[in-house]
Amino acid sequence: MDEITDNNTLIAKKIDRCELLKMSSWLVENLQGRLSRPRFIVQDTDSVKLQYYRVLIQAVQTHNAILKDEELEDIKTRMALIEATLEARK
């Protein structure tokens, strides 16, 4: 669910890896369903749909990279805390 800040700016909810997987699964199922029919029929909207699919794929990949970076920073912080704790015990 989206939330609104004090200055009425709309902030989208944070999408996690599970949601990204759902999006990419939906895309794969959608494409597979279309391609697995006995006869492929080109539709007028195909070129526009493909452009949107490409944008969706790029957005999911970018979001996933950001999540990875965020998790890596969290791991680095936790590692530094563990190292500091171990140094303090010596």
C-alpha atoms as a PDB file:
ATOM      1  CA  MET A   1       0.000   0.000   0.000  1.00  0.00           C
ATOM      2  CA  ASP A   2       1.210   3.501  -0.791  1.00  0.00           C
ATOM      3  CA  GLU A   3       1.599   6.072   1.927  1.00  0.00           C
ATOM      4  CA  ILE A   4       1.469   9.869   1.956  1.00  0.00           C
ATOM      5  CA  THR A   5       4.084  11.974   3.746  1.00  0.00           C
ATOM      6  CA  ASP A   6       3.554  15.288   5.527  1.00  0.00           C
ATOM      7  CA  ASN A   7       3.898  17.289   2.303  1.00  0.00           C
ATOM      8  CA  ASN A   8       1.392  15.018   0.494  1.00  0.00           C
ATOM      9  CA  THR A   9       4.088  13.273  -1.536  1.00  0.00           C
ATOM     10  CA  LEU A  10       3.026   9.787  -2.542  1.00  0.00           C
ATOM     11  CA  ILE A  11       5.587   7.141  -1.553  1.00  0.00           C
ATOM     12  CA  ALA A  12       5.218   3.665  -3.016  1.00  0.00           C
ATOM     13  CA  LYS A  13       5.665   0.640  -0.794  1.00  0.00           C
ATOM     14  CA  LYS A  14       9.018  -1.078  -0.944  1.00  0.00           C
ATOM     15  CA  ILE A  15       8.948  -4.055  -3.298  1.00  0.00           C
ATOM     16  CA  ASP A  16      10.814  -7.093  -1.982  1.00  0.00           C
ATOM     17  CA  ARG A  17      12.353 -10.029  -3.847  1.00  0.00           C
ATOM     18  CA  CYS A  18       9.164 -12.056  -3.474  1.00  0.00           C
ATOM     19  CA  GLU A  19       7.174  -9.371  -5.301  1.00  0.00           C
ATOM     20  CA  LEU A  20       9.858  -9.121  -8.001  1.00  0.00           C
ATOM     21  CA  LEU A  21       9.669 -12.883  -8.467  1.00  0.00           C
ATOM     22  CA  LYS A  22       5.885 -12.667  -8.797  1.00  0.00           C
ATOM     23  CA  MET A  23       6.247  -9.981 -11.470  1.00  0.00           C
ATOM     24  CA  SER A  24       8.783 -11.929 -13.481  1.00  0.00           C
ATOM     25  CA  SER A  25       6.782 -15.161 -13.065  1.00  0.00           C
ATOM     26  CA  TRP A  26       3.694 -13.408 -14.379  1.00  0.00           C
ATOM     27  CA  LEU A  27       5.667 -12.174 -17.383  1.00  0.00           C
ATOM     28  CA  VAL A  28       7.103 -15.622 -18.158  1.00  0.00           C
ATOM     29  CA  GLU A  29       3.699 -17.291 -17.835  1.00  0.00           C
ATOM     30  CA  ASN A  30       2.104 -14.636 -20.025  1.00  0.00           C
ATOM     31  CA  LEU A  31       4.705 -15.021 -22.755  1.00  0.00           C
ATOM     32  CA  GLN A  32       4.791 -18.810 -22.498  1.00  0.00           C
ATOM     33  CA  GLY A  33       1.014 -19.014 -22.768  1.00  0.00           C
ATOM     34  CA  ARG A  34       1.058 -16.923 -25.892  1.00  0.00           C
ATOM     35  CA  LEU A  35       3.986 -18.765 -27.495  1.00  0.00           C
ATOM     36  CA  SER A  36       2.841 -22.307 -26.645  1.00  0.00           C
ATOM     37  CA  ARG A  37      -0.326 -22.137 -28.725  1.00  0.00           C
ATOM     38  CA  PRO A  38      -0.389 -24.355 -31.807  1.00  0.00           C
ATOM     39  CA  ARG A  39      -0.431 -21.346 -34.095  1.00  0.00           C
ATOM     40  CA  PHE A  40       1.090 -17.989 -33.247  1.00  0.00           C
ATOM     41  CA  ILE A  41      -1.014 -15.098 -34.493  1.00  0.00           C
ATOM     42  CA  VAL A  42       0.508 -11.630 -34.545  1.00  0.00           C
ATOM     43  CA  GLN A  43      -1.731  -8.992 -33.007  1.00  0.00           C
ATOM     44  CA  ASP A  44      -1.720  -5.247 -33.643  1.00  0.00           C
ATOM     45  CA  THR A  45      -0.771  -4.513 -30.034  1.00  0.00           C
ATOM     46  CA  ASP A  46       2.221  -6.885 -29.949  1.00  0.00           C
ATOM     47  CA  SER A  47       4.902  -4.277 -30.648  1.00  0.00           C
ATOM     48  CA  VAL A  48       3.628  -1.959 -27.910  1.00  0.00           C
ATOM     49  CA  LYS A  49       3.281  -4.862 -25.468  1.00  0.00           C
ATOM     50  CA  LEU A  50       6.837  -5.991 -26.161  1.00  0.00           C
ATOM     51  CA  GLN A  51       8.127  -2.498 -25.473  1.00  0.00           C
ATOM     52  CA  TYR A  52       6.350  -2.460 -22.123  1.00  0.00           C
ATOM     53  CA  TYR A  53       7.648  -5.949 -21.324  1.00  0.00           C
ATOM     54  CA  ARG A  54      11.193  -4.742 -22.016  1.00  0.00           C
ATOM     55  CA  VAL A  55      10.674  -1.791 -19.686  1.00  0.00           C
ATOM     56  CA  LEU A  56       9.232  -4.098 -17.015  1.00  0.00           C
ATOM     57  CA  ILE A  57      12.215  -6.449 -17.312  1.00  0.00           C
ATOM     58  CA  GLN A  58      14.643  -3.533 -17.032  1.00  0.00           C
ATOM     59  CA  ALA A  59      12.793  -2.157 -14.000  1.00  0.00           C
ATOM     60  CA  VAL A  60      12.801  -5.558 -12.253  1.00  0.00           C
ATOM     61  CA  GLN A  61      16.530  -6.001 -12.951  1.00  0.00           C
ATOM     62  CA  THR A  62      17.339  -2.507 -11.696  1.00  0.00           C
ATOM     63  CA  HIS A  63      15.231  -2.945  -8.574  1.00  0.00           C
ATOM     64  CA  ASN A  64      16.870  -6.294  -7.881  1.00  0.00           C
ATOM     65  CA  ALA A  65      20.332  -4.719  -8.187  1.00  0.00           C
ATOM     66  CA  ILE A  66      19.331  -2.024  -5.700  1.00  0.00           C
ATOM     67  CA  LEU A  67      18.045  -4.678  -3.279  1.00  0.00           C
ATOM     68  CA  LYS A  68      21.341  -6.578  -3.628  1.00  0.00           C
ATOM     69  CA  ASP A  69      23.345  -3.433  -2.907  1.00  0.00           C
ATOM     70  CA  GLU A  70      21.171  -2.698   0.114  1.00  0.00           C
ATOM     71  CA  GLU A  71      21.626  -6.234   1.442  1.00  0.00           C
ATOM     72  CA  LEU A  72      25.380  -6.050   0.845  1.00  0.00           C
ATOM     73  CA  GLU A  73      25.606  -2.826   2.858  1.00  0.00           C
ATOM     74  CA  ASP A  74      23.631  -4.486   5.656  1.00  0.00           C
ATOM     75  CA  ILE A  75      26.017  -7.460   5.621  1.00  0.00           C
ATOM     76  CA  LYS A  76      29.032  -5.130   5.714  1.00  0.00           C
ATOM     77  CA  THR A  77      27.582  -3.265   8.685  1.00  0.00           C
ATOM     78  CA  ARG A  78      26.835  -6.488  10.539  1.00  0.00           C
ATOM     79  CA  MET A  79      30.322  -7.834   9.747  1.00  0.00           C
ATOM     80  CA  ALA A  80      31.958  -4.670  11.086  1.00  0.00           C
ATOM     81  CA  LEU A  81      29.906  -4.962  14.267  1.00  0.00           C
ATOM     82  CA  ILE A  82      30.951  -8.605  14.705  1.00  0.00           C
ATOM     83  CA  GLU A  83      34.610  -7.739  14.102  1.00  0.00           C
ATOM     84  CA  ALA A  84      34.419  -4.865  16.593  1.00  0.00           C
ATOM     85  CA  THR A  85      32.857  -7.162  19.183  1.00  0.00           C
ATOM     86  CA  LEU A  86      35.563  -9.780  18.655  1.00  0.00           C
ATOM     87  CA  GLU A  87      38.322  -7.147  18.923  1.00  0.00           C
ATOM     88  CA  ALA A  88      36.816  -5.840  22.165  1.00  0.00           C
ATOM     89  CA  ARG A  89      36.931  -9.341  23.686  1.00  0.00           C
ATOM     90  CA  LYS A  90      40.696  -9.719  23.106  1.00  0.00           C
END
